[in-house]
């Protein structure tokens, strides 16, 4: 399991808890935090978070829908369309 170093203090608790669910304990790897240019922790909520933001930037609605389908149900969306959308 690869995760940020901020999880280090809770790792012993996780090592004890995981087998209680009947799961194999994974090997843990802790990496340094990713920081923005202003030295703040990056967040998945930074920058564009709404579909409308991407549409304003010129992304096709059809491409966003196709990518959503592909991510939700691999095989439903066309990889050809996604690649065209990303390029």
PDB file of N, CA and C in Angstrom:
ATOM      1  N   UNK A   1       0.845  -1.138   0.000  1.00  0.00           N
ATOM      2  CA  UNK A   1       0.000   0.000   0.000  1.00  0.00           C
ATOM      3  C   UNK A   1       0.912   1.228   0.000  1.00  0.00           C
ATOM      4  N   UNK A   2       0.737   2.069  -1.005  1.00  0.00           N
ATOM      5  CA  UNK A   2       1.528   3.288  -1.094  1.00  0.00           C
ATOM      6  C   UNK A   2       0.652   4.450  -0.650  1.00  0.00           C
ATOM      7  N   UNK A   3       1.154   5.200   0.291  1.00  0.00           N
ATOM      8  CA  UNK A   3       0.402   6.341   0.789  1.00  0.00           C
ATOM      9  C   UNK A   3       1.350   7.409   1.317  1.00  0.00           C
ATOM     10  N   UNK A   4       0.806   8.554   1.663  1.00  0.00           N
ATOM     11  CA  UNK A   4       1.624   9.687   2.101  1.00  0.00           C
ATOM     12  C   UNK A   4       2.185   9.454   3.492  1.00  0.00           C
ATOM     13  N   UNK A   5       3.312  10.103   3.752  1.00  0.00           N
ATOM     14  CA  UNK A   5       3.988   9.941   5.039  1.00  0.00           C
ATOM     15  C   UNK A   5       3.152  10.422   6.218  1.00  0.00           C
ATOM     16  N   UNK A   6       2.115  11.217   5.962  1.00  0.00           N
ATOM     17  CA  UNK A   6       1.256  11.670   7.050  1.00  0.00           C
ATOM     18  C   UNK A   6       0.495  10.508   7.696  1.00  0.00           C
ATOM     19  N   UNK A   7       0.472   9.342   7.035  1.00  0.00           N
ATOM     20  CA  UNK A   7      -0.189   8.154   7.580  1.00  0.00           C
ATOM     21  C   UNK A   7       0.732   7.322   8.476  1.00  0.00           C
ATOM     22  N   UNK A   8       2.002   7.679   8.562  1.00  0.00           N
ATOM     23  CA  UNK A   8       2.949   6.902   9.368  1.00  0.00           C
ATOM     24  C   UNK A   8       2.488   6.672  10.812  1.00  0.00           C
ATOM     25  N   UNK A   9       2.014   7.689  11.527  1.00  0.00           N
ATOM     26  CA  UNK A   9       1.637   7.474  12.927  1.00  0.00           C
ATOM     27  C   UNK A   9       0.519   6.443  13.117  1.00  0.00           C
ATOM     28  N   UNK A  10      -0.386   6.311  12.132  1.00  0.00           N
ATOM     29  CA  UNK A  10      -1.504   5.373  12.293  1.00  0.00           C
ATOM     30  C   UNK A  10      -1.197   3.984  11.736  1.00  0.00           C
ATOM     31  N   UNK A  11      -0.040   3.793  11.117  1.00  0.00           N
ATOM     32  CA  UNK A  11       0.299   2.500  10.514  1.00  0.00           C
ATOM     33  C   UNK A  11       0.256   1.340  11.507  1.00  0.00           C
ATOM     34  N   UNK A  12       0.804   1.469  12.728  1.00  0.00           N
ATOM     35  CA  UNK A  12       0.704   0.338  13.664  1.00  0.00           C
ATOM     36  C   UNK A  12      -0.739  -0.085  13.949  1.00  0.00           C
ATOM     37  N   UNK A  13      -1.635   0.887  14.062  1.00  0.00           N
ATOM     38  CA  UNK A  13      -3.059   0.546  14.272  1.00  0.00           C
ATOM     39  C   UNK A  13      -3.614  -0.215  13.078  1.00  0.00           C
ATOM     40  N   UNK A  14      -3.242   0.211  11.877  1.00  0.00           N
ATOM     41  CA  UNK A  14      -3.742  -0.461  10.677  1.00  0.00           C
ATOM     42  C   UNK A  14      -3.195  -1.881  10.566  1.00  0.00           C
ATOM     43  N   UNK A  15      -1.925  -2.056  10.936  1.00  0.00           N
ATOM     44  CA  UNK A  15      -1.326  -3.389  10.895  1.00  0.00           C
ATOM     45  C   UNK A  15      -2.047  -4.337  11.841  1.00  0.00           C
ATOM     46  N   UNK A  16      -2.505  -3.829  12.982  1.00  0.00           N
ATOM     47  CA  UNK A  16      -3.256  -4.657  13.928  1.00  0.00           C
ATOM     48  C   UNK A  16      -4.702  -4.884  13.477  1.00  0.00           C
ATOM     49  N   UNK A  17      -5.303  -3.887  12.849  1.00  0.00           N
ATOM     50  CA  UNK A  17      -6.726  -3.965  12.494  1.00  0.00           C
ATOM     51  C   UNK A  17      -6.992  -4.795  11.243  1.00  0.00           C
ATOM     52  N   UNK A  18      -6.145  -4.694  10.247  1.00  0.00           N
ATOM     53  CA  UNK A  18      -6.411  -5.329   8.955  1.00  0.00           C
ATOM     54  C   UNK A  18      -6.635  -6.835   9.061  1.00  0.00           C
ATOM     55  N   UNK A  19      -5.820  -7.596   9.797  1.00  0.00           N
ATOM     56  CA  UNK A  19      -6.069  -9.049   9.892  1.00  0.00           C
ATOM     57  C   UNK A  19      -7.407  -9.384  10.560  1.00  0.00           C
ATOM     58  N   UNK A  20      -7.915  -8.496  11.369  1.00  0.00           N
ATOM     59  CA  UNK A  20      -9.208  -8.748  12.029  1.00  0.00           C
ATOM     60  C   UNK A  20     -10.367  -8.767  11.041  1.00  0.00           C
ATOM     61  N   UNK A  21     -10.162  -8.194   9.869  1.00  0.00           N
ATOM     62  CA  UNK A  21     -11.162  -8.264   8.805  1.00  0.00           C
ATOM     63  C   UNK A  21     -10.963  -9.516   7.954  1.00  0.00           C
ATOM     64  N   UNK A  22      -9.923 -10.282   8.271  1.00  0.00           N
ATOM     65  CA  UNK A  22      -9.632 -11.484   7.504  1.00  0.00           C
ATOM     66  C   UNK A  22      -8.790 -11.219   6.266  1.00  0.00           C
ATOM     67  N   UNK A  23      -8.212 -10.025   6.195  1.00  0.00           N
ATOM     68  CA  UNK A  23      -7.400  -9.660   5.034  1.00  0.00           C
ATOM     69  C   UNK A  23      -5.935  -9.866   5.338  1.00  0.00           C
ATOM     70  N   UNK A  24      -5.150 -10.061   4.289  1.00  0.00           N
ATOM     71  CA  UNK A  24      -3.695 -10.120   4.436  1.00  0.00           C
ATOM     72  C   UNK A  24      -3.175  -8.708   4.667  1.00  0.00           C
ATOM     73  N   UNK A  25      -2.221  -8.579   5.561  1.00  0.00           N
ATOM     74  CA  UNK A  25      -1.625  -7.269   5.810  1.00  0.00           C
ATOM     75  C   UNK A  25      -0.715  -6.905   4.645  1.00  0.00           C
ATOM     76  N   UNK A  26      -0.962  -5.752   4.011  1.00  0.00           N
ATOM     77  CA  UNK A  26      -0.123  -5.370   2.871  1.00  0.00           C
ATOM     78  C   UNK A  26       1.237  -4.861   3.317  1.00  0.00           C
ATOM     79  N   UNK A  27       2.123  -4.732   2.377  1.00  0.00           N
ATOM     80  CA  UNK A  27       3.392  -4.057   2.616  1.00  0.00           C
ATOM     81  C   UNK A  27       3.120  -2.567   2.454  1.00  0.00           C
ATOM     82  N   UNK A  28       3.569  -1.775   3.406  1.00  0.00           N
ATOM     83  CA  UNK A  28       3.316  -0.343   3.363  1.00  0.00           C
ATOM     84  C   UNK A  28       4.534   0.401   2.840  1.00  0.00           C
ATOM     85  N   UNK A  29       4.280   1.416   2.042  1.00  0.00           N
ATOM     86  CA  UNK A  29       5.321   2.340   1.583  1.00  0.00           C
ATOM     87  C   UNK A  29       4.780   3.739   1.801  1.00  0.00           C
ATOM     88  N   UNK A  30       5.555   4.565   2.450  1.00  0.00           N
ATOM     89  CA  UNK A  30       5.119   5.935   2.729  1.00  0.00           C
ATOM     90  C   UNK A  30       6.013   6.906   1.974  1.00  0.00           C
ATOM     91  N   UNK A  31       5.371   7.761   1.187  1.00  0.00           N
ATOM     92  CA  UNK A  31       6.090   8.715   0.345  1.00  0.00           C
ATOM     93  C   UNK A  31       5.901  10.133   0.867  1.00  0.00           C
ATOM     94  N   UNK A  32       6.849  11.017   0.572  1.00  0.00           N
ATOM     95  CA  UNK A  32       6.688  12.409   0.985  1.00  0.00           C
ATOM     96  C   UNK A  32       5.428  13.024   0.362  1.00  0.00           C
ATOM     97  N   UNK A  33       4.877  14.003   1.049  1.00  0.00           N
ATOM     98  CA  UNK A  33       3.698  14.695   0.538  1.00  0.00           C
ATOM     99  C   UNK A  33       4.029  15.447  -0.750  1.00  0.00           C
ATOM    100  N   UNK A  34       3.035  15.532  -1.627  1.00  0.00           N
ATOM    101  CA  UNK A  34       3.169  16.359  -2.817  1.00  0.00           C
ATOM    102  C   UNK A  34       2.728  17.766  -2.438  1.00  0.00           C
ATOM    103  N   UNK A  35       3.578  18.736  -2.706  1.00  0.00           N
ATOM    104  CA  UNK A  35       3.288  20.109  -2.325  1.00  0.00           C
ATOM    105  C   UNK A  35       3.127  20.982  -3.561  1.00  0.00           C
ATOM    106  N   UNK A  36       2.271  21.969  -3.439  1.00  0.00           N
ATOM    107  CA  UNK A  36       2.101  22.932  -4.527  1.00  0.00           C
ATOM    108  C   UNK A  36       3.268  23.910  -4.510  1.00  0.00           C
ATOM    109  N   UNK A  37       3.278  24.810  -5.455  1.00  0.00           N
ATOM    110  CA  UNK A  37       4.374  25.781  -5.533  1.00  0.00           C
ATOM    111  C   UNK A  37       4.432  26.694  -4.307  1.00  0.00           C
ATOM    112  N   UNK A  38       3.301  26.853  -3.627  1.00  0.00           N
ATOM    113  CA  UNK A  38       3.304  27.673  -2.406  1.00  0.00           C
ATOM    114  C   UNK A  38       3.498  26.826  -1.153  1.00  0.00           C
ATOM    115  N   UNK A  39       4.011  25.596  -1.340  1.00  0.00           N
ATOM    116  CA  UNK A  39       4.381  24.679  -0.247  1.00  0.00           C
ATOM    117  C   UNK A  39       3.192  24.183   0.583  1.00  0.00           C
ATOM    118  N   UNK A  40       1.997  24.209  -0.004  1.00  0.00           N
ATOM    119  CA  UNK A  40       0.823  23.653   0.667  1.00  0.00           C
ATOM    120  C   UNK A  40       0.563  22.259   0.114  1.00  0.00           C
ATOM    121  N   UNK A  41      -0.031  21.403   0.931  1.00  0.00           N
ATOM    122  CA  UNK A  41      -0.348  20.042   0.523  1.00  0.00           C
ATOM    123  C   UNK A  41      -1.328  20.068  -0.643  1.00  0.00           C
ATOM    124  N   UNK A  42      -1.036  19.287  -1.686  1.00  0.00           N
ATOM    125  CA  UNK A  42      -1.956  19.213  -2.817  1.00  0.00           C
ATOM    126  C   UNK A  42      -3.236  18.512  -2.395  1.00  0.00           C
ATOM    127  N   UNK A  43      -4.315  18.934  -2.985  1.00  0.00           N
ATOM    128  CA  UNK A  43      -5.620  18.358  -2.679  1.00  0.00           C
ATOM    129  C   UNK A  43      -6.324  18.014  -3.976  1.00  0.00           C
ATOM    130  N   UNK A  44      -7.117  16.955  -3.948  1.00  0.00           N
ATOM    131  CA  UNK A  44      -7.881  16.604  -5.144  1.00  0.00           C
ATOM    132  C   UNK A  44      -8.979  17.619  -5.406  1.00  0.00           C
ATOM    133  N   UNK A  45      -9.222  18.511  -4.461  1.00  0.00           N
ATOM    134  CA  UNK A  45     -10.246  19.525  -4.622  1.00  0.00           C
ATOM    135  C   UNK A  45      -9.679  20.879  -5.062  1.00  0.00           C
ATOM    136  N   UNK A  46      -8.390  20.927  -5.350  1.00  0.00           N
ATOM    137  CA  UNK A  46      -7.780  22.170  -5.815  1.00  0.00           C
ATOM    138  C   UNK A  46      -7.972  22.301  -7.313  1.00  0.00           C
ATOM    139  N   UNK A  47      -8.135  23.510  -7.784  1.00  0.00           N
ATOM    140  CA  UNK A  47      -8.276  23.726  -9.225  1.00  0.00           C
ATOM    141  C   UNK A  47      -9.671  23.370  -9.705  1.00  0.00           C
ATOM    142  N   UNK A  48      -9.743  22.909 -10.940  1.00  0.00           N
ATOM    143  CA  UNK A  48     -11.032  22.579 -11.543  1.00  0.00           C
ATOM    144  C   UNK A  48     -11.623  21.346 -10.884  1.00  0.00           C
ATOM    145  N   UNK A  49     -12.844  21.501 -10.377  1.00  0.00           N
ATOM    146  CA  UNK A  49     -13.508  20.367  -9.747  1.00  0.00           C
ATOM    147  C   UNK A  49     -14.893  20.120 -10.332  1.00  0.00           C
ATOM    148  N   UNK A  50     -15.414  21.069 -11.072  1.00  0.00           N
ATOM    149  CA  UNK A  50     -16.750  20.918 -11.652  1.00  0.00           C
ATOM    150  C   UNK A  50     -16.630  20.648 -13.153  1.00  0.00           C
ATOM    151  N   UNK A  51     -17.559  19.883 -13.671  1.00  0.00           N
ATOM    152  CA  UNK A  51     -17.589  19.581 -15.101  1.00  0.00           C
ATOM    153  C   UNK A  51     -17.650  20.880 -15.901  1.00  0.00           C
ATOM    154  N   UNK A  52     -18.394  21.838 -15.388  1.00  0.00           N
ATOM    155  CA  UNK A  52     -18.527  23.114 -16.091  1.00  0.00           C
ATOM    156  C   UNK A  52     -17.176  23.800 -16.300  1.00  0.00           C
ATOM    157  N   UNK A  53     -16.255  23.626 -15.345  1.00  0.00           N
ATOM    158  CA  UNK A  53     -14.921  24.214 -15.483  1.00  0.00           C
ATOM    159  C   UNK A  53     -14.208  23.666 -16.709  1.00  0.00           C
ATOM    160  N   UNK A  54     -14.336  22.370 -16.937  1.00  0.00           N
ATOM    161  CA  UNK A  54     -13.682  21.751 -18.086  1.00  0.00           C
ATOM    162  C   UNK A  54     -14.360  22.150 -19.392  1.00  0.00           C
ATOM    163  N   UNK A  55     -15.678  22.278 -19.370  1.00  0.00           N
ATOM    164  CA  UNK A  55     -16.408  22.703 -20.573  1.00  0.00           C
ATOM    165  C   UNK A  55     -15.992  24.129 -20.944  1.00  0.00           C
ATOM    166  N   UNK A  56     -15.840  25.010 -19.947  1.00  0.00           N
ATOM    167  CA  UNK A  56     -15.392  26.386 -20.212  1.00  0.00           C
ATOM    168  C   UNK A  56     -13.994  26.409 -20.827  1.00  0.00           C
ATOM    169  N   UNK A  57     -13.182  25.415 -20.506  1.00  0.00           N
ATOM    170  CA  UNK A  57     -11.829  25.344 -21.062  1.00  0.00           C
ATOM    171  C   UNK A  57     -11.807  24.733 -22.464  1.00  0.00           C
ATOM    172  N   UNK A  58     -12.975  24.284 -22.945  1.00  0.00           N
ATOM    173  CA  UNK A  58     -13.052  23.780 -24.310  1.00  0.00           C
ATOM    174  C   UNK A  58     -13.140  22.276 -24.462  1.00  0.00           C
ATOM    175  N   UNK A  59     -13.208  21.542 -23.362  1.00  0.00           N
ATOM    176  CA  UNK A  59     -13.366  20.095 -23.477  1.00  0.00           C
ATOM    177  C   UNK A  59     -14.772  19.783 -23.984  1.00  0.00           C
ATOM    178  N   UNK A  60     -14.880  18.799 -24.852  1.00  0.00           N
ATOM    179  CA  UNK A  60     -16.179  18.415 -25.398  1.00  0.00           C
ATOM    180  C   UNK A  60     -17.017  17.706 -24.354  1.00  0.00           C
ATOM    181  N   UNK A  61     -18.311  18.054 -24.312  1.00  0.00           N
ATOM    182  CA  UNK A  61     -19.232  17.393 -23.376  1.00  0.00           C
ATOM    183  C   UNK A  61     -19.245  15.881 -23.628  1.00  0.00           C
ATOM    184  N   UNK A  62     -19.229  15.506 -24.899  1.00  0.00           N
ATOM    185  CA  UNK A  62     -19.267  14.089 -25.263  1.00  0.00           C
ATOM    186  C   UNK A  62     -18.027  13.361 -24.741  1.00  0.00           C
ATOM    187  N   UNK A  63     -16.892  14.030 -24.768  1.00  0.00           N
ATOM    188  CA  UNK A  63     -15.657  13.410 -24.287  1.00  0.00           C
ATOM    189  C   UNK A  63     -15.708  13.224 -22.775  1.00  0.00           C
ATOM    190  N   UNK A  64     -16.261  14.194 -22.063  1.00  0.00           N
ATOM    191  CA  UNK A  64     -16.373  14.085 -20.598  1.00  0.00           C
ATOM    192  C   UNK A  64     -17.317  12.947 -20.228  1.00  0.00           C
ATOM    193  N   UNK A  65     -18.434  12.859 -20.943  1.00  0.00           N
ATOM    194  CA  UNK A  65     -19.394  11.772 -20.679  1.00  0.00           C
ATOM    195  C   UNK A  65     -18.750  10.425 -20.976  1.00  0.00           C
ATOM    196  N   UNK A  66     -18.039  10.330 -22.101  1.00  0.00           N
ATOM    197  CA  UNK A  66     -17.387   9.080 -22.472  1.00  0.00           C
ATOM    198  C   UNK A  66     -16.344   8.673 -21.433  1.00  0.00           C
ATOM    199  N   UNK A  67     -15.543   9.626 -20.985  1.00  0.00           N
ATOM    200  CA  UNK A  67     -14.527   9.321 -19.980  1.00  0.00           C
ATOM    201  C   UNK A  67     -15.195   8.864 -18.684  1.00  0.00           C
ATOM    202  N   UNK A  68     -16.282   9.520 -18.296  1.00  0.00           N
ATOM    203  CA  UNK A  68     -17.009   9.123 -17.081  1.00  0.00           C
ATOM    204  C   UNK A  68     -17.514   7.696 -17.192  1.00  0.00           C
ATOM    205  N   UNK A  69     -18.084   7.353 -18.343  1.00  0.00           N
ATOM    206  CA  UNK A  69     -18.564   5.978 -18.551  1.00  0.00           C
ATOM    207  C   UNK A  69     -17.424   4.980 -18.477  1.00  0.00           C
ATOM    208  N   UNK A  70     -16.304   5.333 -19.104  1.00  0.00           N
ATOM    209  CA  UNK A  70     -15.158   4.417 -19.124  1.00  0.00           C
ATOM    210  C   UNK A  70     -14.620   4.195 -17.715  1.00  0.00           C
ATOM    211  N   UNK A  71     -14.538   5.258 -16.914  1.00  0.00           N
ATOM    212  CA  UNK A  71     -14.021   5.121 -15.557  1.00  0.00           C
ATOM    213  C   UNK A  71     -15.001   4.373 -14.660  1.00  0.00           C
ATOM    214  N   UNK A  72     -16.302   4.596 -14.854  1.00  0.00           N
ATOM    215  CA  UNK A  72     -17.309   3.943 -14.027  1.00  0.00           C
ATOM    216  C   UNK A  72     -17.482   2.475 -14.408  1.00  0.00           C
ATOM    217  N   UNK A  73     -17.470   2.197 -15.699  1.00  0.00           N
ATOM    218  CA  UNK A  73     -17.676   0.833 -16.201  1.00  0.00           C
ATOM    219  C   UNK A  73     -16.706   0.570 -17.350  1.00  0.00           C
ATOM    220  N   UNK A  74     -15.480   0.145 -17.034  1.00  0.00           N
ATOM    221  CA  UNK A  74     -14.524  -0.122 -18.123  1.00  0.00           C
ATOM    222  C   UNK A  74     -15.141  -1.028 -19.177  1.00  0.00           C
ATOM    223  N   UNK A  75     -14.960  -0.640 -20.419  1.00  0.00           N
ATOM    224  CA  UNK A  75     -15.548  -1.401 -21.516  1.00  0.00           C
ATOM    225  C   UNK A  75     -16.733  -0.694 -22.138  1.00  0.00           C
ATOM    226  N   UNK A  76     -17.411   0.181 -21.382  1.00  0.00           N
ATOM    227  CA  UNK A  76     -18.563   0.904 -21.947  1.00  0.00           C
ATOM    228  C   UNK A  76     -18.115   2.075 -22.795  1.00  0.00           C
ATOM    229  N   UNK A  77     -17.128   2.822 -22.325  1.00  0.00           N
ATOM    230  CA  UNK A  77     -16.637   3.965 -23.091  1.00  0.00           C
ATOM    231  C   UNK A  77     -15.629   3.508 -24.120  1.00  0.00           C
ATOM    232  N   UNK A  78     -15.422   4.316 -25.126  1.00  0.00           N
ATOM    233  CA  UNK A  78     -14.461   3.985 -26.174  1.00  0.00           C
ATOM    234  C   UNK A  78     -13.093   4.566 -25.838  1.00  0.00           C
ATOM    235  N   UNK A  79     -12.074   3.731 -25.794  1.00  0.00           N
ATOM    236  CA  UNK A  79     -10.727   4.236 -25.514  1.00  0.00           C
ATOM    237  C   UNK A  79     -10.249   5.124 -26.654  1.00  0.00           C
ATOM    238  N   UNK A  80     -10.730   4.885 -27.860  1.00  0.00           N
ATOM    239  CA  UNK A  80     -10.332   5.723 -28.987  1.00  0.00           C
ATOM    240  C   UNK A  80     -10.789   7.162 -28.751  1.00  0.00           C
ATOM    241  N   UNK A  81     -12.023   7.332 -28.279  1.00  0.00           N
ATOM    242  CA  UNK A  81     -12.518   8.682 -28.009  1.00  0.00           C
ATOM    243  C   UNK A  81     -11.763   9.322 -26.857  1.00  0.00           C
ATOM    244  N   UNK A  82     -11.427   8.568 -25.834  1.00  0.00           N
ATOM    245  CA  UNK A  82     -10.710   9.120 -24.701  1.00  0.00           C
ATOM    246  C   UNK A  82      -9.339   9.602 -25.127  1.00  0.00           C
ATOM    247  N   UNK A  83      -8.634   8.814 -25.909  1.00  0.00           N
ATOM    248  CA  UNK A  83      -7.321   9.213 -26.366  1.00  0.00           C
ATOM    249  C   UNK A  83      -7.398  10.477 -27.217  1.00  0.00           C
ATOM    250  N   UNK A  84      -8.434  10.589 -28.029  1.00  0.00           N
ATOM    251  CA  UNK A  84      -8.598  11.777 -28.845  1.00  0.00           C
ATOM    252  C   UNK A  84      -8.874  12.972 -27.924  1.00  0.00           C
ATOM    253  N   UNK A  85      -9.637  12.763 -26.864  1.00  0.00           N
ATOM    254  CA  UNK A  85      -9.971  13.816 -25.918  1.00  0.00           C
ATOM    255  C   UNK A  85      -8.757  14.300 -25.169  1.00  0.00           C
ATOM    256  N   UNK A  86      -7.855  13.390 -24.815  1.00  0.00           N
ATOM    257  CA  UNK A  86      -6.694  13.756 -24.044  1.00  0.00           C
ATOM    258  C   UNK A  86      -5.611  14.428 -24.874  1.00  0.00           C
ATOM    259  N   UNK A  87      -5.612  14.206 -26.173  1.00  0.00           N
ATOM    260  CA  UNK A  87      -4.535  14.770 -27.007  1.00  0.00           C
ATOM    261  C   UNK A  87      -4.848  16.180 -27.453  1.00  0.00           C
TER     262      UNK A  87
END
